[in-house]
Amino acid sequence: MSVRRAEDEIDSREFAEWLAYGSIDPYSDERFDVLIAMMTAQISNMLRGKGQRAFRLEDFMPFREKRKQSAQEIQSVFMTFAKRHNEQLEAKP
């Protein structure tokens, strides 16, 4: 879906709901990195030699950060997006 089409079809409330959903279940590069690391660890463990230690998820994610946004930071982002979206809706003829 294009941004223009989304602006025409959803209001700021629905947009904020999608942002909230995205923070709970993100479709980010990090999520894909986790999925790939899980599969890689599983395959590597199936193929590892006897006596070799089992691979862990962290073995395939050396650059993973563990910082989470605070509720206040998330709310600030939502409010900024909602404000900009409402401004754009009001500016339409």
PDB file of N, CA and C in Angstrom:
ATOM      1  N   MET A   1       0.852  -1.173   0.000  1.00  0.00           N
ATOM      2  CA  MET A   1       0.000   0.000   0.000  1.00  0.00           C
ATOM      3  C   MET A   1       0.897   1.234   0.000  1.00  0.00           C
ATOM      4  N   SER A   2       0.561   2.197  -0.822  1.00  0.00           N
ATOM      5  CA  SER A   2       1.349   3.427  -0.870  1.00  0.00           C
ATOM      6  C   SER A   2       0.941   4.361   0.264  1.00  0.00           C
ATOM      7  N   VAL A   3       1.809   5.296   0.575  1.00  0.00           N
ATOM      8  CA  VAL A   3       1.522   6.271   1.632  1.00  0.00           C
ATOM      9  C   VAL A   3       0.302   7.098   1.253  1.00  0.00           C
ATOM     10  N   ARG A   4       0.231   7.526   0.014  1.00  0.00           N
ATOM     11  CA  ARG A   4      -0.904   8.337  -0.440  1.00  0.00           C
ATOM     12  C   ARG A   4      -2.220   7.574  -0.272  1.00  0.00           C
ATOM     13  N   ARG A   5      -2.228   6.313  -0.654  1.00  0.00           N
ATOM     14  CA  ARG A   5      -3.442   5.509  -0.522  1.00  0.00           C
ATOM     15  C   ARG A   5      -3.799   5.320   0.955  1.00  0.00           C
ATOM     16  N   ALA A   6      -2.793   5.089   1.781  1.00  0.00           N
ATOM     17  CA  ALA A   6      -3.046   4.926   3.216  1.00  0.00           C
ATOM     18  C   ALA A   6      -3.652   6.198   3.801  1.00  0.00           C
ATOM     19  N   GLU A   7      -3.143   7.362   3.387  1.00  0.00           N
ATOM     20  CA  GLU A   7      -3.692   8.625   3.873  1.00  0.00           C
ATOM     21  C   GLU A   7      -5.161   8.777   3.491  1.00  0.00           C
ATOM     22  N   ASP A   8      -5.530   8.281   2.316  1.00  0.00           N
ATOM     23  CA  ASP A   8      -6.915   8.375   1.849  1.00  0.00           C
ATOM     24  C   ASP A   8      -7.837   7.389   2.542  1.00  0.00           C
ATOM     25  N   GLU A   9      -7.302   6.251   2.982  1.00  0.00           N
ATOM     26  CA  GLU A   9      -8.153   5.168   3.453  1.00  0.00           C
ATOM     27  C   GLU A   9      -8.202   4.967   4.964  1.00  0.00           C
ATOM     28  N   ILE A  10      -7.251   5.520   5.711  1.00  0.00           N
ATOM     29  CA  ILE A  10      -7.290   5.330   7.161  1.00  0.00           C
ATOM     30  C   ILE A  10      -7.204   6.673   7.861  1.00  0.00           C
ATOM     31  N   ASP A  11      -7.791   6.733   9.047  1.00  0.00           N
ATOM     32  CA  ASP A  11      -7.721   7.961   9.830  1.00  0.00           C
ATOM     33  C   ASP A  11      -6.579   7.865  10.836  1.00  0.00           C
ATOM     34  N   SER A  12      -6.354   8.940  11.592  1.00  0.00           N
ATOM     35  CA  SER A  12      -5.221   8.979  12.516  1.00  0.00           C
ATOM     36  C   SER A  12      -5.356   7.942  13.636  1.00  0.00           C
ATOM     37  N   ARG A  13      -6.582   7.640  14.023  1.00  0.00           N
ATOM     38  CA  ARG A  13      -6.783   6.635  15.074  1.00  0.00           C
ATOM     39  C   ARG A  13      -6.326   5.250  14.600  1.00  0.00           C
ATOM     40  N   GLU A  14      -6.744   4.875  13.386  1.00  0.00           N
ATOM     41  CA  GLU A  14      -6.330   3.576  12.859  1.00  0.00           C
ATOM     42  C   GLU A  14      -4.820   3.546  12.640  1.00  0.00           C
ATOM     43  N   PHE A  15      -4.266   4.671  12.184  1.00  0.00           N
ATOM     44  CA  PHE A  15      -2.824   4.759  11.982  1.00  0.00           C
ATOM     45  C   PHE A  15      -2.090   4.523  13.301  1.00  0.00           C
ATOM     46  N   ALA A  16      -2.591   5.152  14.381  1.00  0.00           N
ATOM     47  CA  ALA A  16      -1.976   4.965  15.700  1.00  0.00           C
ATOM     48  C   ALA A  16      -2.096   3.512  16.164  1.00  0.00           C
ATOM     49  N   GLU A  17      -3.232   2.871  15.838  1.00  0.00           N
ATOM     50  CA  GLU A  17      -3.399   1.467  16.197  1.00  0.00           C
ATOM     51  C   GLU A  17      -2.375   0.590  15.485  1.00  0.00           C
ATOM     52  N   TRP A  18      -2.127   0.875  14.201  1.00  0.00           N
ATOM     53  CA  TRP A  18      -1.125   0.103  13.460  1.00  0.00           C
ATOM     54  C   TRP A  18       0.271   0.335  14.025  1.00  0.00           C
ATOM     55  N   LEU A  19       0.548   1.571  14.438  1.00  0.00           N
ATOM     56  CA  LEU A  19       1.849   1.841  15.061  1.00  0.00           C
ATOM     57  C   LEU A  19       1.991   1.064  16.366  1.00  0.00           C
ATOM     58  N   ALA A  20       0.917   1.033  17.153  1.00  0.00           N
ATOM     59  CA  ALA A  20       0.957   0.284  18.410  1.00  0.00           C
ATOM     60  C   ALA A  20       1.165  -1.193  18.138  1.00  0.00           C
ATOM     61  N   TYR A  21       0.465  -1.725  17.161  1.00  0.00           N
ATOM     62  CA  TYR A  21       0.631  -3.138  16.794  1.00  0.00           C
ATOM     63  C   TYR A  21       2.070  -3.396  16.346  1.00  0.00           C
ATOM     64  N   GLY A  22       2.611  -2.458  15.568  1.00  0.00           N
ATOM     65  CA  GLY A  22       3.986  -2.608  15.101  1.00  0.00           C
ATOM     66  C   GLY A  22       4.997  -2.622  16.234  1.00  0.00           C
ATOM     67  N   SER A  23       4.688  -1.914  17.322  1.00  0.00           N
ATOM     68  CA  SER A  23       5.615  -1.927  18.458  1.00  0.00           C
ATOM     69  C   SER A  23       5.528  -3.232  19.241  1.00  0.00           C
ATOM     70  N   ILE A  24       4.364  -3.890  19.177  1.00  0.00           N
ATOM     71  CA  ILE A  24       4.186  -5.165  19.866  1.00  0.00           C
ATOM     72  C   ILE A  24       4.713  -6.310  19.013  1.00  0.00           C
ATOM     73  N   ASP A  25       4.437  -6.256  17.720  1.00  0.00           N
ATOM     74  CA  ASP A  25       4.811  -7.326  16.791  1.00  0.00           C
ATOM     75  C   ASP A  25       5.488  -6.689  15.574  1.00  0.00           C
ATOM     76  N   PRO A  26       6.728  -6.227  15.746  1.00  0.00           N
ATOM     77  CA  PRO A  26       7.376  -5.445  14.690  1.00  0.00           C
ATOM     78  C   PRO A  26       7.772  -6.248  13.452  1.00  0.00           C
ATOM     79  N   TYR A  27       7.652  -5.584  12.322  1.00  0.00           N
ATOM     80  CA  TYR A  27       8.123  -6.152  11.053  1.00  0.00           C
ATOM     81  C   TYR A  27       9.424  -5.444  10.703  1.00  0.00           C
ATOM     82  N   SER A  28      10.435  -5.690  11.478  1.00  0.00           N
ATOM     83  CA  SER A  28      11.678  -4.946  11.303  1.00  0.00           C
ATOM     84  C   SER A  28      12.801  -5.877  10.846  1.00  0.00           C
ATOM     85  N   ASP A  29      13.904  -5.250  10.466  1.00  0.00           N
ATOM     86  CA  ASP A  29      15.080  -6.033  10.112  1.00  0.00           C
ATOM     87  C   ASP A  29      15.531  -6.890  11.285  1.00  0.00           C
ATOM     88  N   GLU A  30      15.373  -6.357  12.501  1.00  0.00           N
ATOM     89  CA  GLU A  30      15.790  -7.122  13.678  1.00  0.00           C
ATOM     90  C   GLU A  30      14.964  -8.401  13.811  1.00  0.00           C
ATOM     91  N   ARG A  31      13.679  -8.308  13.530  1.00  0.00           N
ATOM     92  CA  ARG A  31      12.845  -9.509  13.626  1.00  0.00           C
ATOM     93  C   ARG A  31      13.313 -10.558  12.626  1.00  0.00           C
ATOM     94  N   PHE A  32      13.611 -10.128  11.413  1.00  0.00           N
ATOM     95  CA  PHE A  32      14.086 -11.076  10.414  1.00  0.00           C
ATOM     96  C   PHE A  32      15.447 -11.633  10.801  1.00  0.00           C
ATOM     97  N   ASP A  33      16.283 -10.802  11.423  1.00  0.00           N
ATOM     98  CA  ASP A  33      17.580 -11.284  11.904  1.00  0.00           C
ATOM     99  C   ASP A  33      17.384 -12.394  12.936  1.00  0.00           C
ATOM    100  N   VAL A  34      16.404 -12.228  13.818  1.00  0.00           N
ATOM    101  CA  VAL A  34      16.130 -13.251  14.833  1.00  0.00           C
ATOM    102  C   VAL A  34      15.658 -14.536  14.164  1.00  0.00           C
ATOM    103  N   LEU A  35      14.744 -14.421  13.205  1.00  0.00           N
ATOM    104  CA  LEU A  35      14.240 -15.612  12.523  1.00  0.00           C
ATOM    105  C   LEU A  35      15.356 -16.354  11.794  1.00  0.00           C
ATOM    106  N   ILE A  36      16.202 -15.615  11.098  1.00  0.00           N
ATOM    107  CA  ILE A  36      17.311 -16.240  10.372  1.00  0.00           C
ATOM    108  C   ILE A  36      18.290 -16.878  11.364  1.00  0.00           C
ATOM    109  N   ALA A  37      18.562 -16.187  12.473  1.00  0.00           N
ATOM    110  CA  ALA A  37      19.471 -16.753  13.481  1.00  0.00           C
ATOM    111  C   ALA A  37      18.898 -18.031  14.078  1.00  0.00           C
ATOM    112  N   MET A  38      17.591 -18.071  14.299  1.00  0.00           N
ATOM    113  CA  MET A  38      16.962 -19.284  14.841  1.00  0.00           C
ATOM    114  C   MET A  38      17.123 -20.451  13.874  1.00  0.00           C
ATOM    115  N   MET A  39      16.850 -20.202  12.605  1.00  0.00           N
ATOM    116  CA  MET A  39      16.972 -21.273  11.618  1.00  0.00           C
ATOM    117  C   MET A  39      18.420 -21.720  11.464  1.00  0.00           C
ATOM    118  N   THR A  40      19.334 -20.764  11.448  1.00  0.00           N
ATOM    119  CA  THR A  40      20.743 -21.084  11.292  1.00  0.00           C
ATOM    120  C   THR A  40      21.255 -21.895  12.484  1.00  0.00           C
ATOM    121  N   ALA A  41      20.844 -21.500  13.694  1.00  0.00           N
ATOM    122  CA  ALA A  41      21.266 -22.255  14.882  1.00  0.00           C
ATOM    123  C   ALA A  41      20.715 -23.676  14.842  1.00  0.00           C
ATOM    124  N   GLN A  42      19.469 -23.820  14.432  1.00  0.00           N
ATOM    125  CA  GLN A  42      18.864 -25.150  14.387  1.00  0.00           C
ATOM    126  C   GLN A  42      19.573 -26.048  13.371  1.00  0.00           C
ATOM    127  N   ILE A  43      19.828 -25.525  12.190  1.00  0.00           N
ATOM    128  CA  ILE A  43      20.514 -26.311  11.157  1.00  0.00           C
ATOM    129  C   ILE A  43      21.939 -26.644  11.603  1.00  0.00           C
ATOM    130  N   SER A  44      22.615 -25.643  12.181  1.00  0.00           N
ATOM    131  CA  SER A  44      23.985 -25.875  12.646  1.00  0.00           C
ATOM    132  C   SER A  44      24.027 -26.936  13.734  1.00  0.00           C
ATOM    133  N   ASN A  45      23.036 -26.928  14.622  1.00  0.00           N
ATOM    134  CA  ASN A  45      22.997 -27.940  15.676  1.00  0.00           C
ATOM    135  C   ASN A  45      22.723 -29.330  15.126  1.00  0.00           C
ATOM    136  N   MET A  46      21.932 -29.414  14.067  1.00  0.00           N
ATOM    137  CA  MET A  46      21.684 -30.721  13.445  1.00  0.00           C
ATOM    138  C   MET A  46      22.954 -31.272  12.798  1.00  0.00           C
ATOM    139  N   LEU A  47      23.830 -30.378  12.343  1.00  0.00           N
ATOM    140  CA  LEU A  47      25.025 -30.794  11.611  1.00  0.00           C
ATOM    141  C   LEU A  47      26.299 -30.783  12.449  1.00  0.00           C
ATOM    142  N   ARG A  48      26.215 -30.377  13.717  1.00  0.00           N
ATOM    143  CA  ARG A  48      27.425 -30.271  14.536  1.00  0.00           C
ATOM    144  C   ARG A  48      27.960 -31.660  14.884  1.00  0.00           C
ATOM    145  N   GLY A  49      29.223 -31.691  15.155  1.00  0.00           N
ATOM    146  CA  GLY A  49      29.868 -32.954  15.487  1.00  0.00           C
ATOM    147  C   GLY A  49      29.621 -33.376  16.922  1.00  0.00           C
ATOM    148  N   LYS A  50      29.862 -34.649  17.189  1.00  0.00           N
ATOM    149  CA  LYS A  50      29.715 -35.157  18.552  1.00  0.00           C
ATOM    150  C   LYS A  50      30.687 -34.436  19.467  1.00  0.00           C
ATOM    151  N   GLY A  51      30.189 -34.080  20.638  1.00  0.00           N
ATOM    152  CA  GLY A  51      31.030 -33.403  21.617  1.00  0.00           C
ATOM    153  C   GLY A  51      31.155 -31.903  21.387  1.00  0.00           C
ATOM    154  N   GLN A  52      30.703 -31.417  20.272  1.00  0.00           N
ATOM    155  CA  GLN A  52      30.759 -29.975  19.998  1.00  0.00           C
ATOM    156  C   GLN A  52      29.606 -29.296  20.736  1.00  0.00           C
ATOM    157  N   ARG A  53      29.884 -28.152  21.350  1.00  0.00           N
ATOM    158  CA  ARG A  53      28.832 -27.463  22.093  1.00  0.00           C
ATOM    159  C   ARG A  53      27.706 -27.048  21.157  1.00  0.00           C
ATOM    160  N   ALA A  54      26.510 -26.992  21.707  1.00  0.00           N
ATOM    161  CA  ALA A  54      25.344 -26.591  20.912  1.00  0.00           C
ATOM    162  C   ALA A  54      25.411 -25.097  20.593  1.00  0.00           C
ATOM    163  N   PHE A  55      25.013 -24.748  19.406  1.00  0.00           N
ATOM    164  CA  PHE A  55      24.952 -23.345  19.011  1.00  0.00           C
ATOM    165  C   PHE A  55      23.739 -22.694  19.666  1.00  0.00           C
ATOM    166  N   ARG A  56      23.879 -21.405  19.956  1.00  0.00           N
ATOM    167  CA  ARG A  56      22.792 -20.619  20.537  1.00  0.00           C
ATOM    168  C   ARG A  56      22.397 -19.533  19.557  1.00  0.00           C
ATOM    169  N   LEU A  57      21.244 -18.965  19.764  1.00  0.00           N
ATOM    170  CA  LEU A  57      20.754 -17.865  18.940  1.00  0.00           C
ATOM    171  C   LEU A  57      21.776 -16.726  18.888  1.00  0.00           C
ATOM    172  N   GLU A  58      22.358 -16.413  20.041  1.00  0.00           N
ATOM    173  CA  GLU A  58      23.307 -15.300  20.139  1.00  0.00           C
ATOM    174  C   GLU A  58      24.556 -15.509  19.278  1.00  0.00           C
ATOM    175  N   ASP A  59      24.870 -16.756  18.966  1.00  0.00           N
ATOM    176  CA  ASP A  59      26.037 -17.040  18.128  1.00  0.00           C
ATOM    177  C   ASP A  59      25.865 -16.477  16.721  1.00  0.00           C
ATOM    178  N   PHE A  60      24.636 -16.259  16.327  1.00  0.00           N
ATOM    179  CA  PHE A  60      24.358 -15.791  14.971  1.00  0.00           C
ATOM    180  C   PHE A  60      23.787 -14.377  14.947  1.00  0.00           C
ATOM    181  N   MET A  61      23.852 -13.690  16.098  1.00  0.00           N
ATOM    182  CA  MET A  61      23.380 -12.310  16.196  1.00  0.00           C
ATOM    183  C   MET A  61      24.383 -11.481  16.992  1.00  0.00           C
ATOM    184  N   PRO A  62      25.566 -11.249  16.468  1.00  0.00           N
ATOM    185  CA  PRO A  62      26.601 -10.571  17.253  1.00  0.00           C
ATOM    186  C   PRO A  62      26.343  -9.091  17.523  1.00  0.00           C
ATOM    187  N   PHE A  63      25.444  -8.456  16.765  1.00  0.00           N
ATOM    188  CA  PHE A  63      25.250  -7.017  16.906  1.00  0.00           C
ATOM    189  C   PHE A  63      23.899  -6.656  17.514  1.00  0.00           C
ATOM    190  N   ARG A  64      23.246  -7.580  18.140  1.00  0.00           N
ATOM    191  CA  ARG A  64      21.907  -7.343  18.679  1.00  0.00           C
ATOM    192  C   ARG A  64      21.954  -6.404  19.878  1.00  0.00           C
ATOM    193  N   GLU A  65      21.094  -5.372  19.848  1.00  0.00           N
ATOM    194  CA  GLU A  65      20.969  -4.441  20.968  1.00  0.00           C
ATOM    195  C   GLU A  65      19.785  -4.854  21.823  1.00  0.00           C
ATOM    196  N   LYS A  66      19.836  -4.524  23.104  1.00  0.00           N
ATOM    197  CA  LYS A  66      18.774  -4.946  24.012  1.00  0.00           C
ATOM    198  C   LYS A  66      17.972  -3.780  24.585  1.00  0.00           C
ATOM    199  N   ARG A  67      18.122  -2.556  24.040  1.00  0.00           N
ATOM    200  CA  ARG A  67      17.414  -1.399  24.559  1.00  0.00           C
ATOM    201  C   ARG A  67      15.975  -1.384  24.057  1.00  0.00           C
ATOM    202  N   LYS A  68      15.034  -1.115  24.953  1.00  0.00           N
ATOM    203  CA  LYS A  68      13.635  -0.988  24.580  1.00  0.00           C
ATOM    204  C   LYS A  68      13.192   0.453  24.817  1.00  0.00           C
ATOM    205  N   GLN A  69      12.217   0.895  24.015  1.00  0.00           N
ATOM    206  CA  GLN A  69      11.678   2.230  24.200  1.00  0.00           C
ATOM    207  C   GLN A  69      10.780   2.261  25.429  1.00  0.00           C
ATOM    208  N   SER A  70      10.786   3.405  26.102  1.00  0.00           N
ATOM    209  CA  SER A  70       9.886   3.571  27.236  1.00  0.00           C
ATOM    210  C   SER A  70       8.485   3.865  26.716  1.00  0.00           C
ATOM    211  N   ALA A  71       7.497   3.707  27.569  1.00  0.00           N
ATOM    212  CA  ALA A  71       6.115   4.002  27.185  1.00  0.00           C
ATOM    213  C   ALA A  71       5.987   5.469  26.776  1.00  0.00           C
ATOM    214  N   GLN A  72       6.695   6.343  27.451  1.00  0.00           N
ATOM    215  CA  GLN A  72       6.644   7.776  27.131  1.00  0.00           C
ATOM    216  C   GLN A  72       7.236   8.049  25.740  1.00  0.00           C
ATOM    217  N   GLU A  73       8.328   7.379  25.396  1.00  0.00           N
ATOM    218  CA  GLU A  73       8.913   7.542  24.059  1.00  0.00           C
ATOM    219  C   GLU A  73       7.961   7.055  22.975  1.00  0.00           C
ATOM    220  N   ILE A  74       7.316   5.915  23.206  1.00  0.00           N
ATOM    221  CA  ILE A  74       6.376   5.365  22.238  1.00  0.00           C
ATOM    222  C   ILE A  74       5.183   6.305  22.069  1.00  0.00           C
ATOM    223  N   GLN A  75       4.659   6.807  23.180  1.00  0.00           N
ATOM    224  CA  GLN A  75       3.527   7.727  23.110  1.00  0.00           C
ATOM    225  C   GLN A  75       3.903   8.996  22.345  1.00  0.00           C
ATOM    226  N   SER A  76       5.090   9.492  22.554  1.00  0.00           N
ATOM    227  CA  SER A  76       5.541  10.690  21.845  1.00  0.00           C
ATOM    228  C   SER A  76       5.581  10.463  20.337  1.00  0.00           C
ATOM    229  N   VAL A  77       6.071   9.301  19.923  1.00  0.00           N
ATOM    230  CA  VAL A  77       6.107   8.962  18.496  1.00  0.00           C
ATOM    231  C   VAL A  77       4.697   8.882  17.937  1.00  0.00           C
ATOM    232  N   PHE A  78       3.798   8.219  18.641  1.00  0.00           N
ATOM    233  CA  PHE A  78       2.403   8.102  18.193  1.00  0.00           C
ATOM    234  C   PHE A  78       1.761   9.475  18.027  1.00  0.00           C
ATOM    235  N   MET A  79       1.959  10.325  19.008  1.00  0.00           N
ATOM    236  CA  MET A  79       1.331  11.647  18.975  1.00  0.00           C
ATOM    237  C   MET A  79       1.873  12.481  17.811  1.00  0.00           C
ATOM    238  N   THR A  80       3.157  12.375  17.545  1.00  0.00           N
ATOM    239  CA  THR A  80       3.744  13.110  16.423  1.00  0.00           C
ATOM    240  C   THR A  80       3.160  12.637  15.103  1.00  0.00           C
ATOM    241  N   PHE A  81       3.084  11.320  14.901  1.00  0.00           N
ATOM    242  CA  PHE A  81       2.513  10.793  13.665  1.00  0.00           C
ATOM    243  C   PHE A  81       1.044  11.170  13.527  1.00  0.00           C
ATOM    244  N   ALA A  82       0.293  11.044  14.604  1.00  0.00           N
ATOM    245  CA  ALA A  82      -1.135  11.374  14.549  1.00  0.00           C
ATOM    246  C   ALA A  82      -1.337  12.855  14.231  1.00  0.00           C
ATOM    247  N   LYS A  83      -0.526  13.712  14.828  1.00  0.00           N
ATOM    248  CA  LYS A  83      -0.646  15.155  14.571  1.00  0.00           C
ATOM    249  C   LYS A  83      -0.356  15.460  13.105  1.00  0.00           C
ATOM    250  N   ARG A  84       0.712  14.893  12.578  1.00  0.00           N
ATOM    251  CA  ARG A  84       1.057  15.134  11.169  1.00  0.00           C
ATOM    252  C   ARG A  84      -0.020  14.586  10.236  1.00  0.00           C
ATOM    253  N   HIS A  85      -0.541  13.415  10.568  1.00  0.00           N
ATOM    254  CA  HIS A  85      -1.581  12.821   9.738  1.00  0.00           C
ATOM    255  C   HIS A  85      -2.837  13.684   9.745  1.00  0.00           C
ATOM    256  N   ASN A  86      -3.247  14.165  10.920  1.00  0.00           N
ATOM    257  CA  ASN A  86      -4.433  15.027  11.010  1.00  0.00           C
ATOM    258  C   ASN A  86      -4.224  16.336  10.253  1.00  0.00           C
ATOM    259  N   GLU A  87      -3.025  16.886  10.324  1.00  0.00           N
ATOM    260  CA  GLU A  87      -2.727  18.118   9.576  1.00  0.00           C
ATOM    261  C   GLU A  87      -2.881  17.898   8.081  1.00  0.00           C
ATOM    262  N   GLN A  88      -2.421  16.756   7.591  1.00  0.00           N
ATOM    263  CA  GLN A  88      -2.552  16.444   6.178  1.00  0.00           C
ATOM    264  C   GLN A  88      -3.999  16.249   5.782  1.00  0.00           C
ATOM    265  N   LEU A  89      -4.795  15.611   6.633  1.00  0.00           N
ATOM    266  CA  LEU A  89      -6.214  15.418   6.335  1.00  0.00           C
ATOM    267  C   LEU A  89      -6.950  16.759   6.287  1.00  0.00           C
ATOM    268  N   GLU A  90      -6.615  17.644   7.206  1.00  0.00           N
ATOM    269  CA  GLU A  90      -7.260  18.959   7.247  1.00  0.00           C
ATOM    270  C   GLU A  90      -6.871  19.818   6.050  1.00  0.00           C
ATOM    271  N   ALA A  91      -5.686  19.596   5.504  1.00  0.00           N
ATOM    272  CA  ALA A  91      -5.202  20.402   4.375  1.00  0.00           C
ATOM    273  C   ALA A  91      -5.796  19.936   3.045  1.00  0.00           C
ATOM    274  N   LYS A  92      -6.401  18.755   3.009  1.00  0.00           N
ATOM    275  CA  LYS A  92      -6.988  18.257   1.753  1.00  0.00           C
ATOM    276  C   LYS A  92      -8.245  19.044   1.407  1.00  0.00           C
ATOM    277  N   PRO A  93      -8.457  19.277   0.107  1.00  0.00           N
ATOM    278  CA  PRO A  93      -9.665  20.041  -0.296  1.00  0.00           C
ATOM    279  C   PRO A  93     -10.943  19.272  -0.082  1.00  0.00           C
TER     280      PRO A  93
END
